[in-house]
N, C-alpha and C. Protein backbone atom coordinates (compact mmCIF):
# COMPACT_ATOMS: atom_id res chain seq x y z
N UNK A 1 -0.31 23.13 28.60
CA UNK A 1 -0.16 21.84 27.91
C UNK A 1 1.29 21.45 27.97
N UNK A 2 1.51 20.21 28.46
CA UNK A 2 2.86 19.67 28.49
C UNK A 2 3.15 18.92 27.25
N UNK A 3 4.34 19.04 26.77
CA UNK A 3 4.74 18.30 25.57
C UNK A 3 5.78 17.18 26.01
N UNK A 4 5.61 16.10 25.35
CA UNK A 4 6.55 15.02 25.68
C UNK A 4 7.47 14.86 24.45
N UNK A 5 8.66 14.34 24.65
CA UNK A 5 9.56 14.16 23.53
C UNK A 5 8.89 13.21 22.47
N UNK A 6 9.22 13.44 21.26
CA UNK A 6 8.69 12.65 20.16
C UNK A 6 9.03 11.17 20.25
N UNK A 7 10.15 10.87 20.90
CA UNK A 7 10.57 9.47 21.03
C UNK A 7 9.67 8.68 21.95
N UNK A 8 8.85 9.31 22.82
CA UNK A 8 7.99 8.61 23.76
C UNK A 8 6.62 8.31 23.12
N UNK A 9 6.22 9.11 22.11
CA UNK A 9 4.94 8.91 21.46
C UNK A 9 5.15 8.71 19.99
N UNK A 10 4.63 7.59 19.48
CA UNK A 10 4.74 7.35 18.05
C UNK A 10 3.58 6.53 17.55
N UNK A 11 3.09 6.91 16.38
CA UNK A 11 1.92 6.24 15.81
C UNK A 11 2.37 4.90 15.19
N UNK A 12 1.48 3.90 15.22
CA UNK A 12 1.80 2.58 14.71
C UNK A 12 2.14 2.64 13.22
N UNK A 13 1.38 3.41 12.43
CA UNK A 13 1.61 3.42 11.00
C UNK A 13 2.98 4.00 10.69
N UNK A 14 3.42 5.04 11.47
CA UNK A 14 4.72 5.62 11.25
C UNK A 14 5.83 4.66 11.70
N UNK A 15 5.56 3.92 12.82
CA UNK A 15 6.58 2.95 13.27
C UNK A 15 6.78 1.79 12.28
N UNK A 16 5.70 1.28 11.79
CA UNK A 16 5.79 0.11 10.86
C UNK A 16 6.51 0.59 9.52
N UNK A 17 6.30 1.77 9.13
CA UNK A 17 6.98 2.34 7.96
C UNK A 17 8.45 2.54 8.28
N UNK A 18 8.75 3.05 9.46
CA UNK A 18 10.16 3.37 9.81
C UNK A 18 11.00 2.14 9.97
N UNK A 19 10.42 1.01 10.42
CA UNK A 19 11.19 -0.24 10.59
C UNK A 19 11.15 -1.11 9.31
N UNK A 20 10.55 -0.56 8.27
CA UNK A 20 10.58 -1.13 6.94
C UNK A 20 9.71 -2.33 6.77
N UNK A 21 8.66 -2.46 7.60
CA UNK A 21 7.68 -3.57 7.35
C UNK A 21 6.84 -3.21 6.12
N UNK A 22 6.50 -1.90 6.00
CA UNK A 22 5.72 -1.44 4.83
C UNK A 22 6.51 -0.44 4.07
N UNK A 23 6.30 -0.38 2.77
CA UNK A 23 7.07 0.48 1.88
C UNK A 23 6.66 1.92 2.10
N UNK A 24 5.44 2.19 2.32
CA UNK A 24 4.97 3.60 2.54
C UNK A 24 4.14 3.67 3.78
N UNK A 25 4.00 4.87 4.28
CA UNK A 25 3.20 5.06 5.49
C UNK A 25 1.74 4.84 5.18
N UNK A 26 1.34 5.18 3.97
CA UNK A 26 -0.08 4.97 3.50
C UNK A 26 -0.42 3.50 3.52
N UNK A 27 0.50 2.64 3.07
CA UNK A 27 0.26 1.21 3.11
C UNK A 27 0.13 0.68 4.49
N UNK A 28 0.94 1.25 5.42
CA UNK A 28 0.86 0.84 6.80
C UNK A 28 -0.49 1.24 7.41
N UNK A 29 -0.97 2.46 7.09
CA UNK A 29 -2.24 2.94 7.62
C UNK A 29 -3.38 2.13 7.03
N UNK A 30 -3.28 1.81 5.73
CA UNK A 30 -4.33 0.97 5.12
C UNK A 30 -4.37 -0.43 5.72
N UNK A 31 -3.25 -1.00 6.06
CA UNK A 31 -3.17 -2.31 6.68
C UNK A 31 -3.86 -2.23 8.09
N UNK A 32 -3.59 -1.18 8.81
CA UNK A 32 -4.25 -1.01 10.16
C UNK A 32 -5.79 -0.92 9.96
N UNK A 33 -6.22 -0.12 9.04
CA UNK A 33 -7.68 0.09 8.82
C UNK A 33 -8.27 -1.22 8.33
N UNK A 34 -7.59 -2.04 7.64
CA UNK A 34 -8.15 -3.33 7.11
C UNK A 34 -8.11 -4.41 8.15
N UNK A 35 -7.48 -4.17 9.32
CA UNK A 35 -7.47 -5.21 10.33
C UNK A 35 -6.33 -6.17 10.23
N UNK A 36 -5.26 -5.78 9.45
CA UNK A 36 -4.11 -6.69 9.25
C UNK A 36 -2.97 -6.45 10.30
N UNK A 37 -3.21 -5.45 11.21
CA UNK A 37 -2.23 -5.18 12.23
C UNK A 37 -3.02 -5.32 13.55
N UNK A 38 -2.55 -6.18 14.42
CA UNK A 38 -3.30 -6.48 15.68
C UNK A 38 -2.41 -6.40 16.88
N UNK A 39 -2.98 -5.97 17.97
CA UNK A 39 -2.29 -5.93 19.27
C UNK A 39 -3.17 -6.74 20.27
N UNK A 40 -2.66 -7.82 20.82
CA UNK A 40 -3.43 -8.70 21.65
C UNK A 40 -4.75 -9.19 20.96
N UNK A 41 -4.64 -9.56 19.75
CA UNK A 41 -5.77 -10.11 18.90
C UNK A 41 -6.86 -9.05 18.65
N UNK A 42 -6.52 -7.78 18.91
CA UNK A 42 -7.48 -6.69 18.67
C UNK A 42 -6.98 -5.85 17.52
N UNK A 43 -7.87 -5.48 16.55
CA UNK A 43 -7.51 -4.57 15.47
C UNK A 43 -7.23 -3.19 16.10
N UNK A 44 -6.24 -2.56 15.48
CA UNK A 44 -5.91 -1.23 16.01
C UNK A 44 -5.94 -0.22 14.87
N UNK A 45 -6.12 1.01 15.23
CA UNK A 45 -6.19 2.12 14.27
C UNK A 45 -4.78 2.57 13.94
N UNK A 46 -4.59 3.28 12.83
CA UNK A 46 -3.30 3.76 12.43
C UNK A 46 -2.72 4.78 13.48
N UNK A 47 -3.58 5.43 14.27
CA UNK A 47 -3.11 6.44 15.18
C UNK A 47 -2.76 5.82 16.59
N UNK A 48 -2.84 4.55 16.77
CA UNK A 48 -2.51 3.85 17.98
C UNK A 48 -1.08 4.16 18.39
N UNK A 49 -0.89 4.47 19.71
CA UNK A 49 0.46 4.80 20.16
C UNK A 49 1.25 3.52 20.47
N UNK A 50 2.50 3.55 19.92
CA UNK A 50 3.40 2.40 20.12
C UNK A 50 4.21 2.60 21.40
N UNK A 51 4.35 1.55 22.18
CA UNK A 51 5.16 1.59 23.37
C UNK A 51 6.21 0.46 23.31
N UNK A 52 7.31 0.71 23.91
CA UNK A 52 8.40 -0.34 23.96
C UNK A 52 7.82 -1.59 24.73
N UNK A 53 7.97 -2.72 24.16
CA UNK A 53 7.48 -3.92 24.75
C UNK A 53 6.18 -4.48 24.12
N UNK A 54 5.48 -3.62 23.33
CA UNK A 54 4.30 -4.06 22.68
C UNK A 54 4.64 -5.18 21.67
N UNK A 55 3.68 -6.12 21.47
CA UNK A 55 3.84 -7.22 20.51
C UNK A 55 2.71 -7.12 19.51
N UNK A 56 3.03 -6.90 18.23
CA UNK A 56 2.04 -6.72 17.18
C UNK A 56 2.10 -7.91 16.25
N UNK A 57 0.93 -8.32 15.70
CA UNK A 57 0.83 -9.35 14.64
C UNK A 57 0.54 -8.55 13.40
N UNK A 58 1.39 -8.71 12.41
CA UNK A 58 1.26 -7.99 11.11
C UNK A 58 1.09 -8.98 10.02
N UNK A 59 0.03 -8.83 9.20
CA UNK A 59 -0.20 -9.67 8.06
C UNK A 59 0.00 -8.81 6.82
N UNK A 60 0.92 -9.26 5.98
CA UNK A 60 1.24 -8.52 4.77
C UNK A 60 1.29 -9.50 3.62
N UNK A 61 0.18 -9.54 2.83
CA UNK A 61 0.08 -10.55 1.81
C UNK A 61 -0.02 -11.94 2.42
N UNK A 62 0.85 -12.85 1.97
CA UNK A 62 0.85 -14.18 2.50
C UNK A 62 1.82 -14.25 3.78
N UNK A 63 2.52 -13.20 4.00
CA UNK A 63 3.54 -13.21 5.05
C UNK A 63 2.87 -12.72 6.33
N UNK A 64 3.11 -13.41 7.45
CA UNK A 64 2.64 -13.01 8.73
C UNK A 64 3.82 -12.89 9.68
N UNK A 65 3.88 -11.81 10.39
CA UNK A 65 4.99 -11.59 11.35
C UNK A 65 4.46 -11.23 12.73
N UNK A 66 5.22 -11.62 13.72
CA UNK A 66 4.96 -11.20 15.08
C UNK A 66 6.18 -10.34 15.47
N UNK A 67 5.89 -9.06 15.71
CA UNK A 67 7.00 -8.13 15.95
C UNK A 67 6.91 -7.55 17.35
N UNK A 68 8.02 -7.56 18.08
CA UNK A 68 8.07 -6.98 19.40
C UNK A 68 8.86 -5.68 19.35
N UNK A 69 8.28 -4.62 19.87
CA UNK A 69 8.93 -3.30 19.83
C UNK A 69 10.05 -3.22 20.85
N UNK A 70 11.27 -2.96 20.41
CA UNK A 70 12.38 -2.79 21.34
C UNK A 70 12.88 -1.38 21.45
N UNK A 71 12.49 -0.54 20.53
CA UNK A 71 12.86 0.85 20.54
C UNK A 71 11.98 1.61 19.54
N UNK A 72 11.81 2.89 19.79
CA UNK A 72 10.96 3.72 18.96
C UNK A 72 11.86 4.42 17.89
N UNK A 73 11.39 4.36 16.74
CA UNK A 73 12.13 4.89 15.54
C UNK A 73 11.18 5.84 14.79
N UNK A 74 11.49 7.15 14.72
CA UNK A 74 10.58 8.09 14.12
C UNK A 74 10.82 8.20 12.60
N UNK A 75 12.06 8.15 12.18
CA UNK A 75 12.37 8.33 10.75
C UNK A 75 12.80 7.01 10.15
N UNK A 76 12.58 6.87 8.87
CA UNK A 76 12.90 5.63 8.16
C UNK A 76 14.50 5.58 8.04
N UNK A 77 15.01 4.40 8.32
CA UNK A 77 16.48 4.22 8.23
C UNK A 77 16.69 2.99 7.40
N UNK A 78 18.03 2.71 7.08
CA UNK A 78 18.32 1.50 6.33
C UNK A 78 18.00 0.25 7.16
N UNK A 79 17.90 -0.83 6.48
CA UNK A 79 17.44 -2.10 7.06
C UNK A 79 18.36 -2.59 8.18
N UNK A 80 19.65 -2.36 8.02
CA UNK A 80 20.61 -2.80 9.11
C UNK A 80 20.36 -2.09 10.42
N UNK A 81 20.00 -0.78 10.36
CA UNK A 81 19.75 -0.01 11.53
C UNK A 81 18.33 -0.31 12.09
N UNK A 82 17.39 -0.55 11.22
CA UNK A 82 16.02 -0.78 11.60
C UNK A 82 15.90 -2.04 12.44
N UNK A 83 16.68 -3.05 12.21
CA UNK A 83 16.64 -4.31 12.99
C UNK A 83 16.82 -4.07 14.44
N UNK A 84 17.55 -3.02 14.83
CA UNK A 84 17.82 -2.74 16.23
C UNK A 84 16.59 -2.27 17.01
N UNK A 85 15.49 -1.92 16.30
CA UNK A 85 14.35 -1.34 16.94
C UNK A 85 13.17 -2.32 17.02
N UNK A 86 13.35 -3.54 16.63
CA UNK A 86 12.24 -4.55 16.75
C UNK A 86 12.85 -5.94 16.79
N UNK A 87 12.08 -6.88 17.36
CA UNK A 87 12.52 -8.26 17.34
C UNK A 87 11.42 -9.00 16.58
N UNK A 88 11.83 -9.79 15.61
CA UNK A 88 10.86 -10.68 14.88
C UNK A 88 10.72 -11.96 15.61
N UNK A 89 9.60 -12.12 16.37
CA UNK A 89 9.47 -13.26 17.23
C UNK A 89 8.41 -14.22 16.64
N UNK A 90 8.32 -14.23 15.33
CA UNK A 90 7.38 -15.16 14.61
C UNK A 90 7.91 -16.53 14.81
N UNK A 91 7.11 -17.50 15.30
CA UNK A 91 7.52 -18.90 15.51
C UNK A 91 7.92 -19.50 14.15
N UNK A 92 9.04 -20.15 14.06
CA UNK A 92 9.56 -20.70 12.81
C UNK A 92 8.58 -21.75 12.29
N UNK A 93 8.02 -22.52 13.16
CA UNK A 93 7.10 -23.56 12.73
C UNK A 93 5.88 -22.93 12.01
N UNK A 94 5.41 -21.84 12.55
CA UNK A 94 4.23 -21.20 11.94
C UNK A 94 4.56 -20.67 10.52
N UNK A 95 5.67 -20.03 10.34
CA UNK A 95 5.99 -19.49 9.04
C UNK A 95 6.22 -20.57 8.04
N UNK A 96 6.92 -21.62 8.37
CA UNK A 96 7.17 -22.69 7.43
C UNK A 96 5.87 -23.40 7.07
N UNK A 97 5.05 -23.66 8.03
CA UNK A 97 3.78 -24.33 7.73
C UNK A 97 2.88 -23.49 6.90
N UNK A 98 2.84 -22.16 7.21
CA UNK A 98 1.99 -21.28 6.42
C UNK A 98 2.48 -21.16 4.97
N UNK A 99 3.75 -21.00 4.79
CA UNK A 99 4.30 -20.88 3.43
C UNK A 99 4.16 -22.15 2.65
N UNK A 100 4.37 -23.30 3.28
CA UNK A 100 4.25 -24.55 2.52
C UNK A 100 2.83 -24.82 2.15
N UNK A 101 1.91 -24.33 2.91
CA UNK A 101 0.49 -24.55 2.58
C UNK A 101 0.12 -23.76 1.32
N UNK A 102 0.63 -22.55 1.12
CA UNK A 102 0.18 -21.73 0.01
C UNK A 102 1.19 -21.62 -1.13
N UNK A 103 2.42 -22.03 -0.86
CA UNK A 103 3.45 -21.87 -1.92
C UNK A 103 3.99 -23.25 -2.37
N UNK A 104 3.11 -24.28 -2.27
CA UNK A 104 3.61 -25.61 -2.80
C UNK A 104 3.63 -25.53 -4.30
N UNK A 105 4.80 -25.77 -4.87
CA UNK A 105 4.92 -25.72 -6.36
C UNK A 105 4.22 -26.83 -7.04
N UNK A 106 3.05 -26.63 -7.49
CA UNK A 106 2.27 -27.66 -8.19
C UNK A 106 2.60 -27.61 -9.69
N UNK A 107 2.43 -26.48 -10.29
CA UNK A 107 2.73 -26.30 -11.70
C UNK A 107 3.62 -25.08 -11.81
N UNK A 108 4.80 -25.27 -12.49
CA UNK A 108 5.69 -24.16 -12.62
C UNK A 108 6.36 -24.24 -13.98
N UNK A 109 6.34 -23.16 -14.70
CA UNK A 109 7.05 -23.07 -15.97
C UNK A 109 8.31 -22.21 -15.81
N UNK A 110 9.42 -22.63 -16.39
CA UNK A 110 10.60 -21.81 -16.32
C UNK A 110 10.42 -20.52 -17.05
N UNK A 111 10.96 -19.48 -16.50
CA UNK A 111 10.89 -18.16 -17.03
C UNK A 111 11.63 -18.11 -18.33
N UNK A 112 11.05 -17.51 -19.35
CA UNK A 112 11.71 -17.35 -20.64
C UNK A 112 11.51 -18.52 -21.60
N UNK A 113 10.68 -19.45 -21.22
CA UNK A 113 10.45 -20.62 -22.15
C UNK A 113 9.30 -20.24 -23.15
N UNK A 114 8.70 -19.10 -23.04
CA UNK A 114 7.65 -18.70 -24.02
C UNK A 114 6.32 -19.26 -23.65
N UNK A 115 5.40 -19.07 -24.59
CA UNK A 115 4.05 -19.56 -24.37
C UNK A 115 4.01 -21.06 -24.51
N UNK A 116 3.09 -21.71 -23.73
CA UNK A 116 3.00 -23.18 -23.88
C UNK A 116 2.40 -23.55 -25.27
N UNK A 117 2.92 -24.65 -25.83
CA UNK A 117 2.39 -25.14 -27.08
C UNK A 117 1.09 -25.86 -26.80
N UNK A 118 0.38 -26.28 -27.89
CA UNK A 118 -0.86 -27.00 -27.67
C UNK A 118 -0.67 -28.25 -26.85
N UNK A 119 0.45 -28.96 -27.11
CA UNK A 119 0.79 -30.14 -26.41
C UNK A 119 1.06 -29.85 -24.94
N UNK A 120 1.79 -28.81 -24.66
CA UNK A 120 2.13 -28.40 -23.32
C UNK A 120 0.81 -28.04 -22.55
N UNK A 121 -0.05 -27.33 -23.22
CA UNK A 121 -1.32 -26.92 -22.62
C UNK A 121 -2.17 -28.11 -22.26
N UNK A 122 -2.25 -29.12 -23.15
CA UNK A 122 -2.98 -30.33 -22.84
C UNK A 122 -2.39 -31.04 -21.63
N UNK A 123 -1.07 -31.10 -21.52
CA UNK A 123 -0.44 -31.76 -20.38
C UNK A 123 -0.70 -31.00 -19.09
N UNK A 124 -0.70 -29.69 -19.12
CA UNK A 124 -0.97 -28.87 -17.99
C UNK A 124 -2.42 -29.14 -17.56
N UNK A 125 -3.35 -29.08 -18.50
CA UNK A 125 -4.77 -29.27 -18.15
C UNK A 125 -5.01 -30.68 -17.57
N UNK A 126 -4.26 -31.66 -18.09
CA UNK A 126 -4.42 -33.02 -17.59
C UNK A 126 -3.91 -33.11 -16.18
N UNK A 127 -2.76 -32.48 -15.91
CA UNK A 127 -2.27 -32.49 -14.54
C UNK A 127 -3.20 -31.81 -13.58
N UNK A 128 -3.75 -30.68 -13.96
CA UNK A 128 -4.69 -29.95 -13.13
C UNK A 128 -5.93 -30.81 -12.85
N UNK A 129 -6.46 -31.44 -13.87
CA UNK A 129 -7.66 -32.29 -13.75
C UNK A 129 -7.39 -33.46 -12.80
N UNK A 130 -6.19 -34.09 -12.98
CA UNK A 130 -5.91 -35.22 -12.11
C UNK A 130 -5.72 -34.80 -10.67
N UNK A 131 -5.11 -33.62 -10.48
CA UNK A 131 -4.89 -33.16 -9.11
C UNK A 131 -6.18 -32.87 -8.41
N UNK A 132 -7.12 -32.21 -9.08
CA UNK A 132 -8.37 -31.78 -8.42
C UNK A 132 -9.36 -32.89 -8.35
N UNK A 133 -9.28 -33.92 -9.16
CA UNK A 133 -10.29 -35.00 -9.14
C UNK A 133 -9.94 -36.10 -8.14
N UNK A 134 -8.70 -36.16 -7.67
CA UNK A 134 -8.33 -37.22 -6.74
C UNK A 134 -9.07 -37.11 -5.41
N UNK A 135 -9.41 -35.92 -4.97
CA UNK A 135 -10.09 -35.75 -3.65
C UNK A 135 -11.58 -35.97 -3.78
N UNK A 136 -12.18 -35.91 -4.93
CA UNK A 136 -13.66 -36.01 -5.04
C UNK A 136 -14.17 -37.46 -5.10
N UNK A 137 -13.32 -38.38 -5.42
CA UNK A 137 -13.79 -39.86 -5.57
C UNK A 137 -14.00 -40.50 -4.26
């Protein structure tokens, strides 16, 4: 049996954890199992081998990234060093359009203002009703 150096073979879950895309390796493995990590539009398993030059699409919550592997990193390092091992090639238009679609500030209360009063609650409900009824007429 021939052995290859560890730097040539690396699992995708370990790689995504090492470059700090996911906080734990378990979260990275769960994302792979759930189909949130793709290679060429195909779901991959956590044990998939990473090679330099691969391009992965990673969905993490509302954030979507396209990551190109530029180097293999076996152990987790600080963020400044991790940047050297991947290129974030997510199109800017895609991220801005995606975020604006889901993060449009419709209703927002300042932190620390306490619970809404009855009057505030009525105003909030009125705004919600007006917002959702405009499309149905």
